[in-house]
């Protein structure tokens, strides 16, 4: 953990603010890279009631970084070891927030290791995130793909 900010699982009442942070950062840094179909797909995903239900049932853990009481970054895991969201407020990028969020996810997965395929962390990296994930030690699983208007590169980090 970085001594300038705290990283932890969010509470129920923080889910909507976490998704709003993801949307703000997506609109600022990523949306211009995608056709309208991709922007709409992302909006539907983070606003889906099924996603909130999965969060409440423990199937979509959401982690946030805080500077004092201000939420400054969000990560989420889906289907076990898949990093589904990683967004950091613009003013906090390149300050270790994203790194701390990913490391928190990695440490949590290692602590829950069952030997049933959870010895890795996967991500579908956006074009703006590929360099960061490579820097973190993720490896490409294949070429970039476009699905529902969202372009991404499947990547893996072996724990």
N, C-alpha and C. Protein backbone atom coordinates (compact mmCIF):
# COMPACT_ATOMS: atom_id res chain seq x y z
N UNK A 1 0.84 -1.19 0.00
CA UNK A 1 0.00 0.00 0.00
C UNK A 1 0.88 1.24 0.00
N UNK A 2 0.45 2.24 -0.68
CA UNK A 2 1.13 3.52 -0.73
C UNK A 2 0.72 4.33 0.50
N UNK A 3 1.67 5.01 1.15
CA UNK A 3 1.32 5.77 2.35
C UNK A 3 0.53 7.04 2.05
N UNK A 4 0.40 7.40 0.79
CA UNK A 4 -0.37 8.60 0.43
C UNK A 4 -1.85 8.30 0.22
N UNK A 5 -2.20 7.05 0.04
CA UNK A 5 -3.60 6.70 -0.18
C UNK A 5 -3.86 5.30 0.34
N UNK A 6 -5.14 4.99 0.54
CA UNK A 6 -5.57 3.70 1.06
C UNK A 6 -6.26 2.91 -0.05
N UNK A 7 -6.05 1.59 -0.07
CA UNK A 7 -6.71 0.71 -1.03
C UNK A 7 -7.49 -0.33 -0.24
N UNK A 8 -8.78 -0.50 -0.59
CA UNK A 8 -9.63 -1.47 0.12
C UNK A 8 -10.84 -1.84 -0.73
N UNK A 9 -11.51 -2.93 -0.31
CA UNK A 9 -12.78 -3.28 -0.93
C UNK A 9 -13.80 -2.21 -0.60
N UNK A 10 -14.68 -1.93 -1.54
CA UNK A 10 -15.70 -0.90 -1.30
C UNK A 10 -16.88 -1.50 -0.54
N UNK A 11 -17.65 -0.60 0.07
CA UNK A 11 -18.91 -0.96 0.72
C UNK A 11 -20.05 -0.81 -0.27
N UNK A 12 -21.19 -1.34 0.10
CA UNK A 12 -22.38 -1.32 -0.75
C UNK A 12 -22.72 0.10 -1.24
N UNK A 13 -22.65 1.08 -0.34
CA UNK A 13 -23.04 2.45 -0.72
C UNK A 13 -21.99 3.15 -1.58
N UNK A 14 -20.86 2.50 -1.83
CA UNK A 14 -19.82 3.09 -2.66
C UNK A 14 -19.85 2.55 -4.10
N UNK A 15 -20.73 1.60 -4.37
CA UNK A 15 -20.75 0.99 -5.70
C UNK A 15 -21.06 2.02 -6.79
N UNK A 16 -22.14 2.77 -6.63
CA UNK A 16 -22.52 3.75 -7.66
C UNK A 16 -21.42 4.79 -7.85
N UNK A 17 -20.86 5.40 -6.77
CA UNK A 17 -19.76 6.34 -6.98
C UNK A 17 -18.56 5.70 -7.69
N UNK A 18 -18.31 4.43 -7.44
CA UNK A 18 -17.20 3.74 -8.11
C UNK A 18 -17.46 3.63 -9.61
N UNK A 19 -18.68 3.27 -9.98
CA UNK A 19 -19.02 3.16 -11.40
C UNK A 19 -19.02 4.54 -12.06
N UNK A 20 -19.42 5.57 -11.32
CA UNK A 20 -19.38 6.93 -11.86
C UNK A 20 -17.94 7.37 -12.11
N UNK A 21 -17.02 7.00 -11.22
CA UNK A 21 -15.60 7.30 -11.44
C UNK A 21 -15.13 6.61 -12.72
N UNK A 22 -15.48 5.34 -12.88
CA UNK A 22 -15.09 4.61 -14.09
C UNK A 22 -15.61 5.32 -15.34
N UNK A 23 -16.85 5.76 -15.30
CA UNK A 23 -17.44 6.43 -16.45
C UNK A 23 -16.72 7.74 -16.76
N UNK A 24 -16.46 8.55 -15.72
CA UNK A 24 -15.76 9.83 -15.92
C UNK A 24 -14.39 9.62 -16.58
N UNK A 25 -13.63 8.68 -16.03
CA UNK A 25 -12.28 8.44 -16.55
C UNK A 25 -12.36 7.86 -17.96
N UNK A 26 -13.30 6.94 -18.20
CA UNK A 26 -13.49 6.39 -19.55
C UNK A 26 -13.79 7.51 -20.54
N UNK A 27 -14.70 8.41 -20.17
CA UNK A 27 -15.06 9.51 -21.08
C UNK A 27 -13.88 10.42 -21.34
N UNK A 28 -13.05 10.66 -20.33
CA UNK A 28 -11.92 11.57 -20.47
C UNK A 28 -10.78 10.97 -21.30
N UNK A 29 -10.50 9.69 -21.10
CA UNK A 29 -9.29 9.11 -21.70
C UNK A 29 -9.53 8.05 -22.78
N UNK A 30 -10.67 7.40 -22.78
CA UNK A 30 -10.86 6.25 -23.66
C UNK A 30 -11.95 6.40 -24.71
N UNK A 31 -13.01 7.11 -24.40
CA UNK A 31 -14.20 7.08 -25.26
C UNK A 31 -13.91 7.53 -26.69
N UNK A 32 -12.97 8.45 -26.87
CA UNK A 32 -12.69 8.94 -28.23
C UNK A 32 -12.04 7.87 -29.11
N UNK A 33 -11.56 6.79 -28.50
CA UNK A 33 -10.93 5.70 -29.25
C UNK A 33 -11.94 4.70 -29.80
N UNK A 34 -13.20 4.82 -29.35
CA UNK A 34 -14.21 3.83 -29.69
C UNK A 34 -15.35 4.43 -30.49
N UNK A 35 -15.99 3.60 -31.32
CA UNK A 35 -17.21 4.06 -31.99
C UNK A 35 -18.33 4.17 -30.94
N UNK A 36 -19.41 4.81 -31.31
CA UNK A 36 -20.53 5.00 -30.38
C UNK A 36 -21.00 3.66 -29.81
N UNK A 37 -20.96 2.61 -30.60
CA UNK A 37 -21.37 1.28 -30.13
C UNK A 37 -20.51 0.85 -28.93
N UNK A 38 -19.22 1.12 -28.97
CA UNK A 38 -18.33 0.76 -27.87
C UNK A 38 -18.61 1.57 -26.62
N UNK A 39 -18.85 2.87 -26.80
CA UNK A 39 -19.17 3.74 -25.66
C UNK A 39 -20.48 3.29 -25.02
N UNK A 40 -21.47 2.97 -25.85
CA UNK A 40 -22.75 2.49 -25.32
C UNK A 40 -22.59 1.14 -24.62
N UNK A 41 -21.76 0.26 -25.15
CA UNK A 41 -21.52 -1.05 -24.53
C UNK A 41 -20.92 -0.87 -23.14
N UNK A 42 -19.94 0.02 -23.02
CA UNK A 42 -19.32 0.25 -21.72
C UNK A 42 -20.33 0.84 -20.74
N UNK A 43 -21.12 1.79 -21.19
CA UNK A 43 -22.13 2.40 -20.33
C UNK A 43 -23.13 1.36 -19.84
N UNK A 44 -23.59 0.50 -20.74
CA UNK A 44 -24.53 -0.56 -20.35
C UNK A 44 -23.90 -1.49 -19.31
N UNK A 45 -22.63 -1.83 -19.51
CA UNK A 45 -21.95 -2.75 -18.60
C UNK A 45 -21.90 -2.19 -17.18
N UNK A 46 -21.44 -0.95 -17.01
CA UNK A 46 -21.28 -0.42 -15.66
C UNK A 46 -22.60 -0.01 -15.01
N UNK A 47 -23.67 0.10 -15.81
CA UNK A 47 -24.98 0.46 -15.27
C UNK A 47 -25.94 -0.71 -15.17
N UNK A 48 -25.48 -1.90 -15.47
CA UNK A 48 -26.32 -3.10 -15.48
C UNK A 48 -26.69 -3.53 -14.06
N UNK A 49 -27.98 -3.72 -13.81
CA UNK A 49 -28.43 -4.18 -12.50
C UNK A 49 -27.84 -5.54 -12.13
N UNK A 50 -27.58 -6.38 -13.14
CA UNK A 50 -26.98 -7.69 -12.86
C UNK A 50 -25.57 -7.54 -12.30
N UNK A 51 -24.86 -6.52 -12.74
CA UNK A 51 -23.51 -6.27 -12.22
C UNK A 51 -23.59 -5.90 -10.74
N UNK A 52 -24.54 -5.05 -10.39
CA UNK A 52 -24.72 -4.66 -8.99
C UNK A 52 -25.12 -5.87 -8.14
N UNK A 53 -25.99 -6.71 -8.67
CA UNK A 53 -26.38 -7.93 -7.95
C UNK A 53 -25.18 -8.84 -7.75
N UNK A 54 -24.36 -8.99 -8.78
CA UNK A 54 -23.14 -9.81 -8.65
C UNK A 54 -22.22 -9.23 -7.58
N UNK A 55 -22.09 -7.90 -7.54
CA UNK A 55 -21.29 -7.24 -6.51
C UNK A 55 -21.84 -7.57 -5.12
N UNK A 56 -23.15 -7.43 -4.95
CA UNK A 56 -23.76 -7.71 -3.64
C UNK A 56 -23.57 -9.16 -3.22
N UNK A 57 -23.54 -10.08 -4.19
CA UNK A 57 -23.40 -11.51 -3.90
C UNK A 57 -21.94 -11.96 -3.83
N UNK A 58 -20.99 -11.04 -3.97
CA UNK A 58 -19.58 -11.38 -3.88
C UNK A 58 -18.96 -11.87 -5.17
N UNK A 59 -19.71 -11.84 -6.28
CA UNK A 59 -19.19 -12.31 -7.55
C UNK A 59 -18.52 -11.25 -8.40
N UNK A 60 -18.48 -10.03 -7.91
CA UNK A 60 -17.85 -8.92 -8.63
C UNK A 60 -17.21 -7.99 -7.60
N UNK A 61 -16.11 -8.45 -6.97
CA UNK A 61 -15.46 -7.61 -5.95
C UNK A 61 -14.93 -6.32 -6.56
N UNK A 62 -15.20 -5.22 -5.90
CA UNK A 62 -14.74 -3.91 -6.36
C UNK A 62 -13.80 -3.33 -5.30
N UNK A 63 -12.66 -2.86 -5.75
CA UNK A 63 -11.62 -2.31 -4.90
C UNK A 63 -11.45 -0.85 -5.28
N UNK A 64 -11.21 0.00 -4.30
CA UNK A 64 -11.00 1.41 -4.61
C UNK A 64 -9.79 1.94 -3.85
N UNK A 65 -9.19 2.96 -4.43
CA UNK A 65 -8.11 3.70 -3.78
C UNK A 65 -8.68 5.05 -3.34
N UNK A 66 -8.26 5.50 -2.17
CA UNK A 66 -8.77 6.74 -1.59
C UNK A 66 -7.61 7.64 -1.19
N UNK A 67 -7.77 8.91 -1.46
CA UNK A 67 -6.90 9.95 -0.91
C UNK A 67 -7.75 10.64 0.14
N UNK A 68 -7.53 10.30 1.40
CA UNK A 68 -8.43 10.75 2.45
C UNK A 68 -9.77 10.09 2.23
N UNK A 69 -10.82 10.89 2.10
CA UNK A 69 -12.16 10.35 1.84
C UNK A 69 -12.53 10.34 0.36
N UNK A 70 -11.64 10.84 -0.49
CA UNK A 70 -11.92 10.94 -1.92
C UNK A 70 -11.52 9.66 -2.66
N UNK A 71 -12.48 9.06 -3.36
CA UNK A 71 -12.21 7.89 -4.19
C UNK A 71 -11.45 8.37 -5.43
N UNK A 72 -10.25 7.78 -5.66
CA UNK A 72 -9.40 8.26 -6.75
C UNK A 72 -9.10 7.19 -7.79
N UNK A 73 -9.48 5.94 -7.51
CA UNK A 73 -9.24 4.86 -8.45
C UNK A 73 -10.10 3.66 -8.12
N UNK A 74 -10.39 2.85 -9.13
CA UNK A 74 -11.27 1.69 -8.98
C UNK A 74 -10.72 0.52 -9.78
N UNK A 75 -10.80 -0.66 -9.19
CA UNK A 75 -10.51 -1.92 -9.89
C UNK A 75 -11.63 -2.89 -9.53
N UNK A 76 -11.90 -3.85 -10.40
CA UNK A 76 -12.91 -4.87 -10.11
C UNK A 76 -12.48 -6.19 -10.73
N UNK A 77 -12.88 -7.26 -10.06
CA UNK A 77 -12.57 -8.61 -10.52
C UNK A 77 -13.87 -9.30 -10.92
N UNK A 78 -13.80 -10.06 -12.00
CA UNK A 78 -14.98 -10.77 -12.50
C UNK A 78 -14.59 -12.20 -12.81
N UNK A 79 -15.50 -13.11 -12.62
CA UNK A 79 -15.24 -14.53 -12.91
C UNK A 79 -13.96 -15.01 -12.24
N UNK A 80 -13.77 -14.59 -10.99
CA UNK A 80 -12.56 -14.97 -10.26
C UNK A 80 -11.40 -14.07 -10.64
N UNK A 81 -10.42 -14.62 -11.36
CA UNK A 81 -9.19 -13.86 -11.58
C UNK A 81 -9.15 -13.02 -12.86
N UNK A 82 -10.22 -12.32 -13.18
CA UNK A 82 -10.21 -11.45 -14.36
C UNK A 82 -10.39 -10.00 -13.92
N UNK A 83 -9.41 -9.16 -14.22
CA UNK A 83 -9.48 -7.74 -13.90
C UNK A 83 -10.42 -7.08 -14.90
N UNK A 84 -11.60 -6.74 -14.44
CA UNK A 84 -12.65 -6.27 -15.32
C UNK A 84 -12.64 -4.76 -15.50
N UNK A 85 -12.28 -4.03 -14.46
CA UNK A 85 -12.22 -2.57 -14.52
C UNK A 85 -10.93 -2.11 -13.84
N UNK A 86 -10.31 -1.09 -14.39
CA UNK A 86 -9.21 -0.40 -13.72
C UNK A 86 -9.20 1.03 -14.24
N UNK A 87 -9.59 1.96 -13.38
CA UNK A 87 -9.67 3.37 -13.75
C UNK A 87 -9.13 4.22 -12.62
N UNK A 88 -8.33 5.21 -12.98
CA UNK A 88 -7.74 6.13 -12.00
C UNK A 88 -8.01 7.56 -12.47
N UNK A 89 -8.46 8.40 -11.54
CA UNK A 89 -8.71 9.81 -11.87
C UNK A 89 -7.47 10.41 -12.51
N UNK A 90 -7.67 11.27 -13.51
CA UNK A 90 -6.58 11.84 -14.28
C UNK A 90 -5.48 12.47 -13.45
N UNK A 91 -5.83 13.23 -12.43
CA UNK A 91 -4.84 13.90 -11.60
C UNK A 91 -4.01 12.96 -10.75
N UNK A 92 -4.42 11.70 -10.66
CA UNK A 92 -3.70 10.72 -9.85
C UNK A 92 -2.99 9.67 -10.70
N UNK A 93 -3.09 9.77 -12.01
CA UNK A 93 -2.40 8.81 -12.86
C UNK A 93 -0.90 9.04 -12.79
N UNK A 94 -0.15 7.96 -12.96
CA UNK A 94 1.32 7.98 -12.91
C UNK A 94 1.84 8.33 -11.52
N UNK A 95 1.04 7.99 -10.48
CA UNK A 95 1.45 8.24 -9.10
C UNK A 95 1.36 6.97 -8.26
N UNK A 96 1.22 5.81 -8.90
CA UNK A 96 1.21 4.55 -8.17
C UNK A 96 -0.15 4.02 -7.78
N UNK A 97 -1.22 4.74 -8.12
CA UNK A 97 -2.56 4.31 -7.74
C UNK A 97 -2.96 3.04 -8.49
N UNK A 98 -2.82 3.04 -9.81
CA UNK A 98 -3.17 1.86 -10.60
C UNK A 98 -2.32 0.66 -10.20
N UNK A 99 -1.04 0.89 -9.99
CA UNK A 99 -0.14 -0.19 -9.56
C UNK A 99 -0.61 -0.78 -8.24
N UNK A 100 -0.97 0.08 -7.29
CA UNK A 100 -1.44 -0.40 -5.98
C UNK A 100 -2.75 -1.17 -6.10
N UNK A 101 -3.64 -0.72 -6.97
CA UNK A 101 -4.90 -1.44 -7.16
C UNK A 101 -4.65 -2.83 -7.75
N UNK A 102 -3.80 -2.92 -8.76
CA UNK A 102 -3.50 -4.22 -9.37
C UNK A 102 -2.80 -5.12 -8.36
N UNK A 103 -1.85 -4.58 -7.60
CA UNK A 103 -1.15 -5.39 -6.60
C UNK A 103 -2.09 -5.88 -5.51
N UNK A 104 -3.06 -5.06 -5.12
CA UNK A 104 -4.07 -5.48 -4.15
C UNK A 104 -4.83 -6.69 -4.69
N UNK A 105 -5.25 -6.61 -5.95
CA UNK A 105 -5.97 -7.72 -6.59
C UNK A 105 -5.10 -8.97 -6.64
N UNK A 106 -3.84 -8.81 -7.03
CA UNK A 106 -2.93 -9.95 -7.10
C UNK A 106 -2.74 -10.58 -5.73
N UNK A 107 -2.50 -9.77 -4.71
CA UNK A 107 -2.30 -10.28 -3.35
C UNK A 107 -3.55 -11.01 -2.85
N UNK A 108 -4.72 -10.45 -3.15
CA UNK A 108 -5.96 -11.07 -2.72
C UNK A 108 -6.15 -12.42 -3.40
N UNK A 109 -5.87 -12.48 -4.69
CA UNK A 109 -5.99 -13.75 -5.42
C UNK A 109 -5.01 -14.79 -4.87
N UNK A 110 -3.78 -14.38 -4.58
CA UNK A 110 -2.79 -15.32 -4.02
C UNK A 110 -3.28 -15.84 -2.67
N UNK A 111 -3.88 -14.97 -1.85
CA UNK A 111 -4.37 -15.39 -0.53
C UNK A 111 -5.52 -16.38 -0.63
N UNK A 112 -6.23 -16.38 -1.75
CA UNK A 112 -7.38 -17.28 -1.96
C UNK A 112 -7.02 -18.46 -2.85
N UNK A 113 -5.76 -18.61 -3.21
CA UNK A 113 -5.31 -19.63 -4.17
C UNK A 113 -5.86 -21.01 -3.82
N UNK A 114 -6.51 -21.61 -4.79
CA UNK A 114 -7.10 -22.94 -4.59
C UNK A 114 -6.46 -24.00 -5.47
N UNK A 115 -5.65 -23.58 -6.43
CA UNK A 115 -5.08 -24.53 -7.37
C UNK A 115 -6.04 -24.91 -8.48
N UNK A 116 -7.12 -24.18 -8.61
CA UNK A 116 -8.14 -24.48 -9.61
C UNK A 116 -8.12 -23.47 -10.75
N UNK A 117 -6.96 -23.06 -11.16
CA UNK A 117 -6.87 -22.13 -12.28
C UNK A 117 -6.79 -20.68 -11.87
N UNK A 118 -6.72 -20.42 -10.57
CA UNK A 118 -6.68 -19.03 -10.12
C UNK A 118 -5.26 -18.54 -9.85
N UNK A 119 -4.28 -19.18 -10.49
CA UNK A 119 -2.89 -18.77 -10.31
C UNK A 119 -2.47 -17.72 -11.33
N UNK A 120 -3.44 -17.05 -11.90
CA UNK A 120 -3.16 -16.01 -12.88
C UNK A 120 -4.20 -14.91 -12.74
N UNK A 121 -3.87 -13.75 -13.28
CA UNK A 121 -4.79 -12.63 -13.36
C UNK A 121 -4.86 -12.24 -14.82
N UNK A 122 -6.05 -12.24 -15.39
CA UNK A 122 -6.22 -11.86 -16.79
C UNK A 122 -6.84 -10.48 -16.88
N UNK A 123 -6.68 -9.86 -18.04
CA UNK A 123 -7.28 -8.56 -18.29
C UNK A 123 -7.48 -8.42 -19.80
N UNK A 124 -8.52 -7.71 -20.18
CA UNK A 124 -8.70 -7.30 -21.57
C UNK A 124 -8.29 -5.83 -21.62
N UNK A 125 -7.04 -5.58 -21.96
CA UNK A 125 -6.46 -4.23 -21.87
C UNK A 125 -6.95 -3.33 -22.99
N UNK A 126 -7.39 -2.14 -22.60
CA UNK A 126 -7.75 -1.12 -23.59
C UNK A 126 -6.48 -0.62 -24.26
N UNK A 127 -6.63 0.01 -25.42
CA UNK A 127 -5.43 0.55 -26.08
C UNK A 127 -4.64 1.51 -25.18
N UNK A 128 -5.34 2.27 -24.34
CA UNK A 128 -4.64 3.21 -23.45
C UNK A 128 -3.97 2.51 -22.27
N UNK A 129 -4.37 1.29 -21.97
CA UNK A 129 -3.82 0.57 -20.83
C UNK A 129 -2.74 -0.44 -21.15
N UNK A 130 -2.55 -0.76 -22.43
CA UNK A 130 -1.60 -1.82 -22.79
C UNK A 130 -0.20 -1.59 -22.24
N UNK A 131 0.32 -0.39 -22.38
CA UNK A 131 1.67 -0.09 -21.90
C UNK A 131 1.80 -0.28 -20.40
N UNK A 132 0.78 0.16 -19.65
CA UNK A 132 0.79 -0.01 -18.20
C UNK A 132 0.84 -1.49 -17.83
N UNK A 133 -0.02 -2.29 -18.47
CA UNK A 133 -0.05 -3.71 -18.13
C UNK A 133 1.25 -4.41 -18.50
N UNK A 134 1.84 -4.06 -19.62
CA UNK A 134 3.15 -4.63 -19.96
C UNK A 134 4.18 -4.25 -18.89
N UNK A 135 4.16 -3.00 -18.46
CA UNK A 135 5.07 -2.52 -17.42
C UNK A 135 4.87 -3.31 -16.12
N UNK A 136 3.62 -3.69 -15.84
CA UNK A 136 3.30 -4.46 -14.63
C UNK A 136 3.69 -5.94 -14.76
N UNK A 137 4.09 -6.37 -15.95
CA UNK A 137 4.51 -7.75 -16.14
C UNK A 137 3.49 -8.64 -16.82
N UNK A 138 2.39 -8.07 -17.29
CA UNK A 138 1.39 -8.86 -18.02
C UNK A 138 1.95 -9.22 -19.39
N UNK A 139 1.53 -10.37 -19.89
CA UNK A 139 1.95 -10.86 -21.21
C UNK A 139 0.73 -10.93 -22.13
N UNK A 140 0.95 -10.66 -23.41
CA UNK A 140 -0.12 -10.76 -24.40
C UNK A 140 -0.56 -12.21 -24.56
N UNK A 141 -1.86 -12.42 -24.65
CA UNK A 141 -2.41 -13.75 -24.94
C UNK A 141 -2.76 -13.90 -26.40
N UNK A 142 -2.73 -12.82 -27.14
CA UNK A 142 -3.07 -12.85 -28.55
C UNK A 142 -3.18 -11.45 -29.08
N UNK A 143 -3.64 -11.31 -30.32
CA UNK A 143 -3.77 -9.99 -30.92
C UNK A 143 -4.96 -9.23 -30.33
N UNK A 144 -5.02 -7.95 -30.62
CA UNK A 144 -6.16 -7.14 -30.20
C UNK A 144 -7.42 -7.64 -30.87
N UNK A 145 -8.53 -7.50 -30.17
CA UNK A 145 -9.84 -7.97 -30.63
C UNK A 145 -10.83 -6.83 -30.45
N UNK A 146 -11.87 -6.81 -31.25
CA UNK A 146 -12.96 -5.86 -31.06
C UNK A 146 -14.25 -6.64 -30.87
N UNK A 147 -14.95 -6.35 -29.78
CA UNK A 147 -16.23 -7.00 -29.49
C UNK A 147 -17.19 -5.94 -28.96
N UNK A 148 -18.37 -5.89 -29.53
CA UNK A 148 -19.39 -4.90 -29.15
C UNK A 148 -18.84 -3.47 -29.19
N UNK A 149 -17.95 -3.22 -30.15
CA UNK A 149 -17.39 -1.88 -30.32
C UNK A 149 -16.23 -1.56 -29.39
N UNK A 150 -15.84 -2.49 -28.55
CA UNK A 150 -14.74 -2.28 -27.60
C UNK A 150 -13.51 -3.02 -28.09
N UNK A 151 -12.42 -2.30 -28.29
CA UNK A 151 -11.15 -2.90 -28.72
C UNK A 151 -10.31 -3.17 -27.48
N UNK A 152 -9.74 -4.38 -27.42
CA UNK A 152 -8.91 -4.75 -26.27
C UNK A 152 -7.90 -5.82 -26.67
N UNK A 153 -6.89 -5.95 -25.84
CA UNK A 153 -5.88 -7.00 -26.03
C UNK A 153 -5.95 -7.91 -24.81
N UNK A 154 -6.23 -9.22 -25.01
CA UNK A 154 -6.24 -10.15 -23.88
C UNK A 154 -4.81 -10.34 -23.35
N UNK A 155 -4.67 -10.22 -22.03
CA UNK A 155 -3.35 -10.32 -21.40
C UNK A 155 -3.46 -11.17 -20.13
N UNK A 156 -2.31 -11.64 -19.65
CA UNK A 156 -2.27 -12.47 -18.44
C UNK A 156 -1.05 -12.13 -17.60
N UNK A 157 -1.21 -12.24 -16.29
CA UNK A 157 -0.11 -12.14 -15.34
C UNK A 157 -0.15 -13.41 -14.50
N UNK A 158 0.95 -14.17 -14.51
CA UNK A 158 1.00 -15.40 -13.72
C UNK A 158 1.45 -15.06 -12.31
N UNK A 159 0.61 -15.42 -11.34
CA UNK A 159 0.86 -15.08 -9.93
C UNK A 159 1.95 -15.94 -9.33
